[in-house]
Amino acid sequence: MNQKEKVIVLLSGGLDSTVCLWLMKEKDFELYTITFNYFKRFKKEIQSCLQIATFAQVKEHKTIDLSFLSEFEDEKYPDSSPLLNTKKLIPPNYISSRNLIYYSIAAWWAEKIGASKIIGGHNKDDIIYFPDTTTEFFSLLTKSINLGNYGSSSHKYQIIIPLHNYTKLNVLEEAIRLDLPINLTWSCQRREDIACGICYSCKSRLESFRQIGKTDPLVYAF
């Protein structure tokens, strides 16, 4: 009996990463998921990740404590920081070197369990705002991982970003096609008891549902 190829999916609890997980499930890989719990991250998001991973019947789900990492709006920068005078240009949820840290940890786990692929849920819109989501960034990071691990002598590691050319609308359409549990996903950036309906993520999500003429199963405050 042939052993299934192992993949690690970075799971955030939102639609993008959940679609990526279901795409890998559709391809019949052996699934592993990893979630990063950074400073001020909602418990609801962490719970959603666990629920989604359980529903998908992944082989193992890890939650990594990175509580020392905070988003741009939660950080205090010294006068010497190059970020101090560029506040208006940087998204409030930007985390410095986030994906360098996340994918390095995922690569550690991949080498440990013998996974060859690491899957990230970055969409077309992310590339506009976050410099560490570009094709060039991931190409160089993949090369570095393969240069720096003993495991690459037996198989090459790949970082795959399936949604790089997907808009938010495309992601939702794919979520519906895959029949994944949309009700378990969480996108709100302001609340965790009930989605606010007015933050950027909520509005973007609701607009996608409106465009395809369907109703989001989540309940919204506004």
C-alpha atoms as a PDB file:
ATOM      1  CA  MET A   1       0.000   0.000   0.000  1.00  0.00           C
ATOM      2  CA  ASN A   2       1.448   3.352  -1.056  1.00  0.00           C
ATOM      3  CA  GLN A   3       1.905   5.889   1.718  1.00  0.00           C
ATOM      4  CA  LYS A   4       0.144   9.208   1.202  1.00  0.00           C
ATOM      5  CA  GLU A   5       2.270  12.288   0.651  1.00  0.00           C
ATOM      6  CA  LYS A   6       2.266  14.541   3.708  1.00  0.00           C
ATOM      7  CA  VAL A   7       1.451  18.243   3.537  1.00  0.00           C
ATOM      8  CA  ILE A   8       1.369  20.972   6.177  1.00  0.00           C
ATOM      9  CA  VAL A   9      -1.277  23.676   5.811  1.00  0.00           C
ATOM     10  CA  LEU A  10      -0.886  26.984   7.673  1.00  0.00           C
ATOM     11  CA  LEU A  11      -4.357  27.442   9.132  1.00  0.00           C
ATOM     12  CA  SER A  12      -5.632  30.840  10.327  1.00  0.00           C
ATOM     13  CA  GLY A  13      -9.344  30.060  10.713  1.00  0.00           C
ATOM     14  CA  GLY A  14     -10.383  32.238   7.768  1.00  0.00           C
ATOM     15  CA  LEU A  15     -11.794  31.266   4.380  1.00  0.00           C
ATOM     16  CA  ASP A  16      -8.466  31.447   2.532  1.00  0.00           C
ATOM     17  CA  SER A  17      -6.536  28.912   4.577  1.00  0.00           C
ATOM     18  CA  THR A  18      -9.604  26.675   4.953  1.00  0.00           C
ATOM     19  CA  VAL A  19     -10.005  26.570   1.171  1.00  0.00           C
ATOM     20  CA  CYS A  20      -6.325  25.593   0.909  1.00  0.00           C
ATOM     21  CA  LEU A  21      -6.880  22.774   3.410  1.00  0.00           C
ATOM     22  CA  TRP A  22      -9.848  21.458   1.442  1.00  0.00           C
ATOM     23  CA  LEU A  23      -7.919  21.682  -1.832  1.00  0.00           C
ATOM     24  CA  MET A  24      -5.262  19.434  -0.289  1.00  0.00           C
ATOM     25  CA  LYS A  25      -7.974  17.179   1.107  1.00  0.00           C
ATOM     26  CA  GLU A  26      -9.431  16.925  -2.394  1.00  0.00           C
ATOM     27  CA  LYS A  27      -6.017  15.757  -3.657  1.00  0.00           C
ATOM     28  CA  ASP A  28      -5.975  13.046  -0.948  1.00  0.00           C
ATOM     29  CA  PHE A  29      -2.800  14.144   0.847  1.00  0.00           C
ATOM     30  CA  GLU A  30      -2.108  13.194   4.451  1.00  0.00           C
ATOM     31  CA  LEU A  31      -3.006  16.443   6.203  1.00  0.00           C
ATOM     32  CA  TYR A  32      -1.244  18.324   8.983  1.00  0.00           C
ATOM     33  CA  THR A  33      -2.234  21.815  10.115  1.00  0.00           C
ATOM     34  CA  ILE A  34      -0.396  24.475  12.086  1.00  0.00           C
ATOM     35  CA  THR A  35      -1.762  27.639  13.702  1.00  0.00           C
ATOM     36  CA  PHE A  36       0.199  30.521  15.232  1.00  0.00           C
ATOM     37  CA  ASN A  37      -1.124  32.178  18.359  1.00  0.00           C
ATOM     38  CA  TYR A  38       0.369  35.671  18.409  1.00  0.00           C
ATOM     39  CA  PHE A  39      -0.207  38.620  20.765  1.00  0.00           C
ATOM     40  CA  LYS A  40      -3.879  39.624  21.137  1.00  0.00           C
ATOM     41  CA  ARG A  41      -5.101  36.960  18.752  1.00  0.00           C
ATOM     42  CA  PHE A  42      -8.746  36.134  19.451  1.00  0.00           C
ATOM     43  CA  LYS A  43      -9.458  32.821  21.172  1.00  0.00           C
ATOM     44  CA  LYS A  44     -12.281  32.472  18.665  1.00  0.00           C
ATOM     45  CA  GLU A  45      -9.762  32.242  15.799  1.00  0.00           C
ATOM     46  CA  ILE A  46      -7.740  29.563  17.600  1.00  0.00           C
ATOM     47  CA  GLN A  47     -10.940  27.632  18.361  1.00  0.00           C
ATOM     48  CA  SER A  48     -12.040  27.920  14.727  1.00  0.00           C
ATOM     49  CA  CYS A  49      -8.718  26.463  13.581  1.00  0.00           C
ATOM     50  CA  LEU A  50      -9.112  23.478  15.871  1.00  0.00           C
ATOM     51  CA  GLN A  51     -12.735  22.925  14.793  1.00  0.00           C
ATOM     52  CA  ILE A  52     -11.814  23.146  11.103  1.00  0.00           C
ATOM     53  CA  ALA A  53      -8.856  20.785  11.526  1.00  0.00           C
ATOM     54  CA  THR A  54     -11.050  18.308  13.415  1.00  0.00           C
ATOM     55  CA  PHE A  55     -13.786  18.499  10.777  1.00  0.00           C
ATOM     56  CA  ALA A  56     -11.200  17.885   8.035  1.00  0.00           C
ATOM     57  CA  GLN A  57      -9.877  14.870   9.991  1.00  0.00           C
ATOM     58  CA  VAL A  58      -6.261  16.002   9.787  1.00  0.00           C
ATOM     59  CA  LYS A  59      -3.558  13.680  11.073  1.00  0.00           C
ATOM     60  CA  GLU A  60      -2.285  16.286  13.555  1.00  0.00           C
ATOM     61  CA  HIS A  61      -2.972  19.924  14.392  1.00  0.00           C
ATOM     62  CA  LYS A  62      -0.421  22.134  16.178  1.00  0.00           C
ATOM     63  CA  THR A  63      -0.955  25.512  17.835  1.00  0.00           C
ATOM     64  CA  ILE A  64       2.332  27.373  18.258  1.00  0.00           C
ATOM     65  CA  ASP A  65       2.637  30.025  20.960  1.00  0.00           C
ATOM     66  CA  LEU A  66       4.147  33.193  19.475  1.00  0.00           C
ATOM     67  CA  SER A  67       2.697  35.611  22.010  1.00  0.00           C
ATOM     68  CA  PHE A  68       5.745  37.884  21.732  1.00  0.00           C
ATOM     69  CA  LEU A  69       4.731  38.768  18.140  1.00  0.00           C
ATOM     70  CA  SER A  70       2.261  41.621  17.777  1.00  0.00           C
ATOM     71  CA  GLU A  71       0.560  43.383  14.918  1.00  0.00           C
ATOM     72  CA  PHE A  72       1.782  46.792  13.793  1.00  0.00           C
ATOM     73  CA  GLU A  73      -0.961  48.719  15.600  1.00  0.00           C
ATOM     74  CA  ASP A  74      -0.088  46.987  18.887  1.00  0.00           C
ATOM     75  CA  GLU A  75       3.658  47.596  18.725  1.00  0.00           C
ATOM     76  CA  LYS A  76       5.701  50.468  20.164  1.00  0.00           C
ATOM     77  CA  TYR A  77       8.652  51.452  18.006  1.00  0.00           C
ATOM     78  CA  PRO A  78      11.798  53.308  19.123  1.00  0.00           C
ATOM     79  CA  ASP A  79      12.989  56.423  17.320  1.00  0.00           C
ATOM     80  CA  SER A  80      15.628  54.367  15.546  1.00  0.00           C
ATOM     81  CA  SER A  81      13.058  52.084  13.881  1.00  0.00           C
ATOM     82  CA  PRO A  82      12.576  52.572  10.107  1.00  0.00           C
ATOM     83  CA  LEU A  83       8.880  51.794  10.642  1.00  0.00           C
ATOM     84  CA  LEU A  84       8.244  54.718  12.998  1.00  0.00           C
ATOM     85  CA  ASN A  85       7.719  57.358  10.295  1.00  0.00           C
ATOM     86  CA  THR A  86       5.856  55.165   7.816  1.00  0.00           C
ATOM     87  CA  LYS A  87       2.766  54.404   9.874  1.00  0.00           C
ATOM     88  CA  LYS A  88       0.332  55.705   7.266  1.00  0.00           C
ATOM     89  CA  LEU A  89       1.740  53.334   4.649  1.00  0.00           C
ATOM     90  CA  ILE A  90       1.637  50.133   6.688  1.00  0.00           C
ATOM     91  CA  PRO A  91      -1.514  48.032   7.319  1.00  0.00           C
ATOM     92  CA  PRO A  92      -2.409  47.923  11.032  1.00  0.00           C
ATOM     93  CA  ASN A  93      -2.330  44.097  11.008  1.00  0.00           C
ATOM     94  CA  TYR A  94       1.178  43.905   9.532  1.00  0.00           C
ATOM     95  CA  ILE A  95       3.650  41.825  11.565  1.00  0.00           C
ATOM     96  CA  SER A  96       7.318  42.306  10.762  1.00  0.00           C
ATOM     97  CA  SER A  97       8.857  39.183   9.157  1.00  0.00           C
ATOM     98  CA  ARG A  98       5.682  37.222   9.932  1.00  0.00           C
ATOM     99  CA  ASN A  99       5.944  34.743   7.077  1.00  0.00           C
ATOM    100  CA  LEU A 100       9.675  34.276   7.487  1.00  0.00           C
ATOM    101  CA  ILE A 101       8.932  33.136  11.043  1.00  0.00           C
ATOM    102  CA  TYR A 102       5.796  31.112  10.258  1.00  0.00           C
ATOM    103  CA  TYR A 103       7.206  29.184   7.310  1.00  0.00           C
ATOM    104  CA  SER A 104      10.504  28.517   9.061  1.00  0.00           C
ATOM    105  CA  ILE A 105       8.595  26.860  11.909  1.00  0.00           C
ATOM    106  CA  ALA A 106       6.480  24.944   9.388  1.00  0.00           C
ATOM    107  CA  ALA A 107       9.702  23.814   7.663  1.00  0.00           C
ATOM    108  CA  TRP A 108      11.022  22.545  11.012  1.00  0.00           C
ATOM    109  CA  TRP A 109       7.879  20.418  11.386  1.00  0.00           C
ATOM    110  CA  ALA A 110       7.993  19.311   7.745  1.00  0.00           C
ATOM    111  CA  GLU A 111      11.514  17.937   8.161  1.00  0.00           C
ATOM    112  CA  LYS A 112      10.540  16.223  11.399  1.00  0.00           C
ATOM    113  CA  ILE A 113       7.505  14.353   9.978  1.00  0.00           C
ATOM    114  CA  GLY A 114       8.684  13.949   6.385  1.00  0.00           C
ATOM    115  CA  ALA A 115       6.245  16.362   4.736  1.00  0.00           C
ATOM    116  CA  SER A 116       7.311  17.687   1.350  1.00  0.00           C
ATOM    117  CA  LYS A 117       4.823  20.520   0.880  1.00  0.00           C
ATOM    118  CA  ILE A 118       3.929  23.565   2.981  1.00  0.00           C
ATOM    119  CA  ILE A 119       0.699  25.283   1.962  1.00  0.00           C
ATOM    120  CA  GLY A 120      -0.180  28.945   2.592  1.00  0.00           C
ATOM    121  CA  GLY A 121      -3.488  30.720   2.026  1.00  0.00           C
ATOM    122  CA  HIS A 122      -2.371  34.100   0.681  1.00  0.00           C
ATOM    123  CA  ASN A 123      -4.664  35.595  -1.948  1.00  0.00           C
ATOM    124  CA  LYS A 124      -4.182  38.175  -4.693  1.00  0.00           C
ATOM    125  CA  ASP A 125      -5.095  41.071  -2.385  1.00  0.00           C
ATOM    126  CA  ASP A 126      -2.426  40.124   0.168  1.00  0.00           C
ATOM    127  CA  ILE A 127       0.361  40.765  -2.338  1.00  0.00           C
ATOM    128  CA  ILE A 128      -0.662  44.431  -2.549  1.00  0.00           C
ATOM    129  CA  TYR A 129      -0.280  45.075   1.177  1.00  0.00           C
ATOM    130  CA  PHE A 130       2.231  42.550   2.499  1.00  0.00           C
ATOM    131  CA  PRO A 131       5.754  42.289   1.013  1.00  0.00           C
ATOM    132  CA  ASP A 132       6.269  38.802   2.451  1.00  0.00           C
ATOM    133  CA  THR A 133       3.502  37.237   0.333  1.00  0.00           C
ATOM    134  CA  THR A 134       4.981  37.711  -3.133  1.00  0.00           C
ATOM    135  CA  THR A 135       6.003  34.899  -5.467  1.00  0.00           C
ATOM    136  CA  GLU A 136       9.600  36.115  -5.321  1.00  0.00           C
ATOM    137  CA  PHE A 137       9.642  36.000  -1.511  1.00  0.00           C
ATOM    138  CA  PHE A 138       8.359  32.433  -1.374  1.00  0.00           C
ATOM    139  CA  SER A 139      10.666  31.308  -4.164  1.00  0.00           C
ATOM    140  CA  LEU A 140      13.711  32.564  -2.256  1.00  0.00           C
ATOM    141  CA  LEU A 141      12.405  31.169   1.044  1.00  0.00           C
ATOM    142  CA  THR A 142      11.861  27.751  -0.546  1.00  0.00           C
ATOM    143  CA  LYS A 143      15.421  27.811  -1.850  1.00  0.00           C
ATOM    144  CA  SER A 144      16.753  28.741   1.601  1.00  0.00           C
ATOM    145  CA  ILE A 145      14.798  25.947   3.289  1.00  0.00           C
ATOM    146  CA  ASN A 146      16.157  23.375   0.861  1.00  0.00           C
ATOM    147  CA  LEU A 147      19.695  24.667   1.363  1.00  0.00           C
ATOM    148  CA  GLY A 148      19.432  24.621   5.139  1.00  0.00           C
ATOM    149  CA  ASN A 149      17.866  21.215   5.902  1.00  0.00           C
ATOM    150  CA  TYR A 150      19.303  17.700   5.908  1.00  0.00           C
ATOM    151  CA  GLY A 151      15.857  16.462   4.874  1.00  0.00           C
ATOM    152  CA  SER A 152      16.167  18.063   1.442  1.00  0.00           C
ATOM    153  CA  SER A 153      18.752  15.438   0.500  1.00  0.00           C
ATOM    154  CA  SER A 154      15.933  12.863   0.238  1.00  0.00           C
ATOM    155  CA  HIS A 155      13.181  15.135  -1.090  1.00  0.00           C
ATOM    156  CA  LYS A 156      12.845  18.790  -1.986  1.00  0.00           C
ATOM    157  CA  TYR A 157      10.521  20.973   0.056  1.00  0.00           C
ATOM    158  CA  GLN A 158       7.935  23.102  -1.707  1.00  0.00           C
ATOM    159  CA  ILE A 159       6.048  26.137  -0.450  1.00  0.00           C
ATOM    160  CA  ILE A 160       2.799  26.292  -2.408  1.00  0.00           C
ATOM    161  CA  ILE A 161       0.441  29.273  -2.454  1.00  0.00           C
ATOM    162  CA  PRO A 162      -2.641  27.961  -4.326  1.00  0.00           C
ATOM    163  CA  LEU A 163      -4.646  31.203  -4.060  1.00  0.00           C
ATOM    164  CA  HIS A 164      -2.034  33.673  -5.315  1.00  0.00           C
ATOM    165  CA  ASN A 165      -4.200  34.586  -8.311  1.00  0.00           C
ATOM    166  CA  TYR A 166      -7.532  34.428  -6.454  1.00  0.00           C
ATOM    167  CA  THR A 167      -9.582  37.432  -5.418  1.00  0.00           C
ATOM    168  CA  LYS A 168     -11.752  37.230  -2.294  1.00  0.00           C
ATOM    169  CA  LEU A 169     -14.700  36.470  -4.568  1.00  0.00           C
ATOM    170  CA  ASN A 170     -12.793  33.623  -6.231  1.00  0.00           C
ATOM    171  CA  VAL A 171     -11.923  32.203  -2.814  1.00  0.00           C
ATOM    172  CA  LEU A 172     -15.571  32.178  -1.749  1.00  0.00           C
ATOM    173  CA  GLU A 173     -16.625  30.535  -5.013  1.00  0.00           C
ATOM    174  CA  GLU A 174     -14.031  27.834  -4.410  1.00  0.00           C
ATOM    175  CA  ALA A 175     -15.217  27.406  -0.812  1.00  0.00           C
ATOM    176  CA  ILE A 176     -18.736  26.754  -2.058  1.00  0.00           C
ATOM    177  CA  ARG A 177     -17.518  24.336  -4.741  1.00  0.00           C
ATOM    178  CA  LEU A 178     -15.526  22.385  -2.155  1.00  0.00           C
ATOM    179  CA  ASP A 179     -18.519  22.345   0.226  1.00  0.00           C
ATOM    180  CA  LEU A 180     -16.344  23.168   3.205  1.00  0.00           C
ATOM    181  CA  PRO A 181     -17.830  24.208   6.596  1.00  0.00           C
ATOM    182  CA  ILE A 182     -18.003  27.977   6.026  1.00  0.00           C
ATOM    183  CA  ASN A 183     -19.885  28.340   9.324  1.00  0.00           C
ATOM    184  CA  LEU A 184     -16.738  27.277  11.212  1.00  0.00           C
ATOM    185  CA  THR A 185     -14.509  29.948   9.640  1.00  0.00           C
ATOM    186  CA  TRP A 186     -13.832  33.323  11.258  1.00  0.00           C
ATOM    187  CA  SER A 187     -12.729  36.568   9.596  1.00  0.00           C
ATOM    188  CA  CYS A 188     -13.653  39.402  11.982  1.00  0.00           C
ATOM    189  CA  GLN A 189     -10.764  41.561  13.211  1.00  0.00           C
ATOM    190  CA  ARG A 190     -12.654  43.391  15.973  1.00  0.00           C
ATOM    191  CA  ARG A 191     -14.787  40.931  17.928  1.00  0.00           C
ATOM    192  CA  GLU A 192     -14.916  37.247  18.799  1.00  0.00           C
ATOM    193  CA  ASP A 193     -18.385  36.828  20.268  1.00  0.00           C
ATOM    194  CA  ILE A 194     -20.184  37.864  17.088  1.00  0.00           C
ATOM    195  CA  ALA A 195     -18.706  39.158  13.819  1.00  0.00           C
ATOM    196  CA  CYS A 196     -18.785  42.975  13.747  1.00  0.00           C
ATOM    197  CA  GLY A 197     -19.740  43.386  10.082  1.00  0.00           C
ATOM    198  CA  ILE A 198     -17.841  46.672   9.762  1.00  0.00           C
ATOM    199  CA  CYS A 199     -14.114  45.828   9.853  1.00  0.00           C
ATOM    200  CA  TYR A 200     -12.254  45.415   6.565  1.00  0.00           C
ATOM    201  CA  SER A 201     -12.331  41.604   6.690  1.00  0.00           C
ATOM    202  CA  CYS A 202     -16.046  41.427   7.498  1.00  0.00           C
ATOM    203  CA  LYS A 203     -16.981  43.913   4.784  1.00  0.00           C
ATOM    204  CA  SER A 204     -14.828  42.142   2.213  1.00  0.00           C
ATOM    205  CA  ARG A 205     -16.378  38.797   3.119  1.00  0.00           C
ATOM    206  CA  LEU A 206     -19.947  40.116   3.076  1.00  0.00           C
ATOM    207  CA  GLU A 207     -19.386  41.834  -0.268  1.00  0.00           C
ATOM    208  CA  SER A 208     -18.210  38.535  -1.787  1.00  0.00           C
ATOM    209  CA  PHE A 209     -21.362  36.799  -0.544  1.00  0.00           C
ATOM    210  CA  ARG A 210     -23.474  39.633  -1.947  1.00  0.00           C
ATOM    211  CA  GLN A 211     -21.824  39.340  -5.356  1.00  0.00           C
ATOM    212  CA  ILE A 212     -22.713  35.678  -5.694  1.00  0.00           C
ATOM    213  CA  GLY A 213     -26.218  36.147  -4.274  1.00  0.00           C
ATOM    214  CA  LYS A 214     -25.750  33.995  -1.180  1.00  0.00           C
ATOM    215  CA  THR A 215     -26.005  34.596   2.577  1.00  0.00           C
ATOM    216  CA  ASP A 216     -23.075  34.174   4.925  1.00  0.00           C
ATOM    217  CA  PRO A 217     -23.987  31.563   7.594  1.00  0.00           C
ATOM    218  CA  LEU A 218     -22.236  33.688  10.255  1.00  0.00           C
ATOM    219  CA  VAL A 219     -24.299  36.074  12.376  1.00  0.00           C
ATOM    220  CA  TYR A 220     -23.176  39.735  12.263  1.00  0.00           C
ATOM    221  CA  ALA A 221     -23.674  42.540  14.764  1.00  0.00           C
ATOM    222  CA  PHE A 222     -24.246  45.060  11.940  1.00  0.00           C
END
